[in-house]
Amino acid sequence: AVILGRKVKGFDEATNIVLQFHGCFYHGCEQYMPDQDVVHPLKRQPLSHIRHETERFTRELERHNYSVRVIWEHEYDTVLASQADFIAATAHLRAPLKMEDALYGGRVECFIPHAMASDTEALKYQDVVSLYPTVQSKDAYPIGHPVHHPTPQTLDSDALASYFGIAEVTVLPPSDLHIPLLPYRVQKKLIFGLCRTCMEQQQEQCSRECCSHSDQERALT
């Protein structure tokens, strides 16, 4: 949400409550960085100036009759450590969709295929050609402020074909697909695989014969 010309972490229009999460590094936290005279390596300003600006904007929100609830990163970490059981029990809850998550970006390989063929052999190379350039230049994108539909829906093929928008979907890849088509990000790497858990565990092999994960463990979201 954007309030008073600046982005905020969350806003409840019904109660006029603004939610702010301040990362200690980016907002000059005194507890995280007690020497406030140090110049921030990214913002090129003293930490005290950055912190004062953060606090000033909070006061400005309150002056415009917004109820502001602030939590600093180190405070949030303390809450997480003290409520591990609660967090584990609510791990299945999904946050609202972030539009930028739909853009996976390209992929860069750090190797080249190399093989020597004999007189009786033929070489074949199979790859997936990215549709990003075509999609970016030819296809339509939804514009305007997004409408959030928090309730999960099951769409048949006809409903899915007529849907226009950005959706968070869960897909179960075929276990015997020769070339995986769907991308998945793990540890800042873009991977194409058939099992989410195998990719998260960085298994060297993931075939139908050696993968014992359930459908829920394999599904990509």
Protein backbone atom coordinates (compact mmCIF):
# COMPACT_ATOMS: atom_id res chain seq x y z
CA ALA A 1 0.00 0.00 0.00
CA VAL A 2 1.04 3.62 -0.53
CA ILE A 3 0.26 6.13 2.23
CA LEU A 4 1.27 9.81 2.05
CA GLY A 5 3.28 9.08 -1.07
CA ARG A 6 5.39 6.30 0.45
CA LYS A 7 5.09 2.54 0.53
CA VAL A 8 4.10 0.89 3.79
CA LYS A 9 4.25 -2.79 4.63
CA GLY A 10 0.52 -3.13 5.23
CA PHE A 11 -2.67 -1.11 5.59
CA ASP A 12 -6.12 -2.04 6.92
CA GLU A 13 -8.52 0.47 5.44
CA ALA A 14 -11.39 -0.59 7.72
CA THR A 15 -9.47 0.25 10.91
CA ASN A 16 -7.04 2.83 9.49
CA ILE A 17 -4.12 0.79 10.83
CA VAL A 18 -0.73 1.05 9.13
CA LEU A 19 1.70 -1.84 9.64
CA GLN A 20 5.43 -1.14 9.44
CA PHE A 21 8.30 -3.65 9.53
CA HIS A 22 11.68 -1.94 9.87
CA GLY A 23 14.71 -3.93 8.79
CA CYS A 24 17.53 -3.12 11.21
CA PHE A 25 20.14 -2.71 8.48
CA TYR A 26 18.08 -0.49 6.18
CA HIS A 27 16.53 1.74 8.87
CA GLY A 28 19.56 2.41 11.09
CA CYS A 29 18.52 0.44 14.16
CA GLU A 30 20.37 1.61 17.30
CA GLN A 31 20.46 -1.87 18.78
CA TYR A 32 21.78 -3.49 15.60
CA MET A 33 24.24 -0.67 14.83
CA PRO A 34 24.90 1.35 18.02
CA ASP A 35 27.47 3.68 16.41
CA GLN A 36 25.00 6.02 14.75
CA ASP A 37 27.70 8.26 13.26
CA VAL A 38 28.71 5.54 10.78
CA VAL A 39 27.75 6.24 7.17
CA HIS A 40 25.38 3.64 5.75
CA PRO A 41 27.20 1.69 2.97
CA LEU A 42 24.21 1.80 0.61
CA LYS A 43 22.36 5.01 1.44
CA ARG A 44 25.52 7.10 1.98
CA GLN A 45 24.01 8.86 4.99
CA PRO A 46 24.74 8.65 8.73
CA LEU A 47 22.75 5.94 10.46
CA SER A 48 21.27 8.51 12.82
CA HIS A 49 19.83 10.46 9.88
CA ILE A 50 18.24 7.32 8.42
CA ARG A 51 16.72 6.35 11.77
CA HIS A 52 15.41 9.87 12.40
CA GLU A 53 13.77 9.89 8.96
CA THR A 54 12.12 6.54 9.71
CA GLU A 55 10.78 7.88 13.00
CA ARG A 56 9.70 11.15 11.38
CA PHE A 57 7.55 9.32 8.84
CA THR A 58 5.90 7.35 11.65
CA ARG A 59 5.01 10.62 13.41
CA GLU A 60 3.72 12.02 10.10
CA LEU A 61 1.39 9.04 9.71
CA GLU A 62 0.09 9.52 13.23
CA ARG A 63 -0.42 13.24 12.59
CA HIS A 64 -2.74 12.26 9.73
CA ASN A 65 -4.77 10.09 12.13
CA TYR A 66 -3.35 6.73 11.10
CA SER A 67 -2.81 4.15 13.82
CA VAL A 68 0.74 2.91 13.26
CA ARG A 69 2.01 -0.43 14.49
CA VAL A 70 5.77 -0.80 14.17
CA ILE A 71 8.03 -3.78 14.75
CA TRP A 72 11.78 -3.82 14.23
CA GLU A 73 13.58 -6.77 12.72
CA HIS A 74 15.38 -7.72 15.94
CA GLU A 75 12.06 -7.61 17.82
CA TYR A 76 10.48 -9.84 15.19
CA ASP A 77 13.35 -12.33 15.47
CA THR A 78 12.79 -12.49 19.23
CA VAL A 79 9.09 -13.20 18.68
CA LEU A 80 9.91 -15.94 16.18
CA ALA A 81 12.31 -17.61 18.60
CA SER A 82 9.73 -17.58 21.41
CA GLN A 83 6.82 -18.86 19.28
CA ALA A 84 8.42 -21.66 17.27
CA ASP A 85 5.51 -24.06 17.93
CA PHE A 86 2.92 -21.52 16.77
CA ILE A 87 4.88 -20.74 13.62
CA ALA A 88 5.22 -24.43 12.77
CA ALA A 89 1.46 -24.90 13.21
CA THR A 90 0.66 -22.01 10.85
CA ALA A 91 3.32 -22.71 8.23
CA HIS A 92 0.64 -23.76 5.73
CA LEU A 93 -0.93 -20.28 5.66
CA ARG A 94 -0.15 -18.36 2.49
CA ALA A 95 0.68 -14.66 2.33
CA PRO A 96 -0.99 -12.43 -0.30
CA LEU A 97 0.47 -12.90 -3.76
CA LYS A 98 3.31 -10.58 -4.77
CA MET A 99 3.01 -9.69 -8.44
CA GLU A 100 6.78 -9.73 -9.00
CA ASP A 101 6.91 -13.40 -7.98
CA ALA A 102 5.33 -14.24 -11.33
CA LEU A 103 8.48 -13.06 -13.14
CA TYR A 104 11.20 -15.66 -12.77
CA GLY A 105 13.74 -14.01 -15.05
CA GLY A 106 16.05 -15.79 -17.43
CA ARG A 107 18.58 -18.53 -16.84
CA VAL A 108 22.32 -18.64 -17.37
CA GLU A 109 24.15 -21.93 -17.67
CA CYS A 110 27.76 -22.27 -16.57
CA PHE A 111 28.50 -25.11 -18.99
CA ILE A 112 28.38 -25.94 -22.69
CA PRO A 113 27.45 -29.32 -24.20
CA HIS A 114 30.40 -31.11 -25.75
CA ALA A 115 30.52 -34.55 -27.34
CA MET A 116 32.36 -36.39 -30.07
CA ALA A 117 30.32 -38.45 -32.50
CA SER A 118 31.61 -41.45 -34.38
CA ASP A 119 30.73 -42.28 -37.98
CA THR A 120 27.80 -44.41 -36.81
CA GLU A 121 26.38 -41.96 -34.24
CA ALA A 122 24.12 -38.94 -34.46
CA LEU A 123 24.04 -36.25 -31.77
CA LYS A 124 20.83 -34.66 -30.52
CA TYR A 125 20.51 -31.71 -28.16
CA GLN A 126 17.18 -30.88 -26.53
CA ASP A 127 16.42 -27.68 -24.67
CA VAL A 128 13.52 -25.45 -23.69
CA VAL A 129 13.28 -22.18 -25.61
CA SER A 130 12.20 -19.37 -23.31
CA LEU A 131 8.99 -17.55 -24.25
CA TYR A 132 9.89 -14.50 -22.18
CA PRO A 133 10.68 -12.19 -25.13
CA THR A 134 7.45 -13.13 -26.90
CA VAL A 135 5.32 -12.79 -23.78
CA GLN A 136 6.83 -9.44 -22.85
CA SER A 137 6.31 -7.94 -26.32
CA LYS A 138 3.07 -9.57 -27.52
CA ASP A 139 0.89 -10.58 -24.59
CA ALA A 140 -1.39 -8.45 -22.40
CA TYR A 141 -0.79 -7.82 -18.71
CA PRO A 142 -3.39 -6.94 -16.05
CA ILE A 143 -3.01 -3.34 -14.90
CA GLY A 144 -4.39 -1.31 -12.01
CA HIS A 145 -4.61 -2.07 -8.31
CA PRO A 146 -4.96 -5.85 -7.81
CA VAL A 147 -8.08 -7.40 -6.32
CA HIS A 148 -7.11 -10.02 -3.76
CA HIS A 149 -9.08 -13.29 -3.73
CA PRO A 150 -7.79 -15.09 -0.61
CA THR A 151 -9.97 -18.20 -0.90
CA PRO A 152 -8.28 -21.05 -2.83
CA GLN A 153 -10.19 -22.11 -5.94
CA THR A 154 -10.13 -25.20 -8.11
CA LEU A 155 -10.51 -24.28 -11.78
CA ASP A 156 -11.31 -26.68 -14.58
CA SER A 157 -9.58 -26.33 -17.94
CA ASP A 158 -12.29 -24.06 -19.41
CA ALA A 159 -12.31 -21.69 -16.43
CA LEU A 160 -8.52 -21.56 -16.40
CA ALA A 161 -8.40 -20.82 -20.13
CA SER A 162 -10.75 -17.83 -19.74
CA TYR A 163 -9.07 -16.43 -16.60
CA PHE A 164 -7.20 -13.14 -17.06
CA GLY A 165 -4.96 -12.08 -14.22
CA ILE A 166 -2.08 -13.29 -12.08
CA ALA A 167 -2.74 -16.35 -9.96
CA GLU A 168 -0.73 -18.43 -7.53
CA VAL A 169 -1.20 -22.03 -8.61
CA THR A 170 0.02 -25.41 -7.44
CA VAL A 171 1.05 -27.79 -10.21
CA LEU A 172 1.97 -31.47 -9.93
CA PRO A 173 4.50 -32.17 -12.71
CA PRO A 174 4.37 -35.55 -14.48
CA SER A 175 6.93 -37.86 -12.92
CA ASP A 176 8.07 -39.23 -16.30
CA LEU A 177 8.52 -35.96 -18.21
CA HIS A 178 11.75 -36.08 -20.23
CA ILE A 179 12.51 -32.34 -20.09
CA PRO A 180 11.08 -30.38 -17.11
CA LEU A 181 9.28 -27.21 -18.17
CA LEU A 182 8.33 -25.33 -14.98
CA PRO A 183 10.90 -23.13 -13.20
CA TYR A 184 11.46 -23.12 -9.45
CA ARG A 185 13.76 -20.88 -7.41
CA VAL A 186 15.90 -22.49 -4.71
CA GLN A 187 18.70 -20.64 -2.91
CA LYS A 188 18.77 -17.93 -5.59
CA LYS A 189 19.06 -20.53 -8.35
CA LEU A 190 16.53 -21.10 -11.13
CA ILE A 191 15.99 -24.84 -11.47
CA PHE A 192 13.81 -26.92 -13.78
CA GLY A 193 12.74 -30.15 -12.10
CA LEU A 194 9.87 -32.53 -11.43
CA CYS A 195 9.93 -32.61 -7.62
CA ARG A 196 9.97 -29.56 -5.34
CA THR A 197 11.52 -31.41 -2.40
CA CYS A 198 14.28 -32.95 -4.51
CA MET A 199 15.17 -29.48 -5.80
CA GLU A 200 15.11 -27.96 -2.31
CA GLN A 201 17.38 -30.75 -1.06
CA GLN A 202 19.55 -30.34 -4.18
CA GLN A 203 19.42 -34.02 -5.03
CA GLU A 204 21.82 -34.99 -7.80
CA GLN A 205 19.27 -37.43 -9.26
CA CYS A 206 15.51 -37.10 -9.34
CA SER A 207 13.79 -39.72 -11.46
CA ARG A 208 10.59 -41.67 -11.01
CA GLU A 209 12.68 -44.65 -9.88
CA CYS A 210 14.65 -42.85 -7.15
CA CYS A 211 12.17 -40.18 -5.95
CA SER A 212 9.93 -41.40 -3.12
CA HIS A 213 8.26 -38.08 -2.27
CA SER A 214 4.48 -37.74 -2.08
CA ASP A 215 2.41 -35.67 -4.50
CA GLN A 216 2.22 -32.87 -1.93
CA GLU A 217 6.01 -32.91 -1.52
CA ARG A 218 6.53 -32.90 -5.31
CA ALA A 219 4.04 -30.18 -6.22
CA LEU A 220 5.32 -26.75 -7.32
CA THR A 221 3.65 -23.49 -6.24
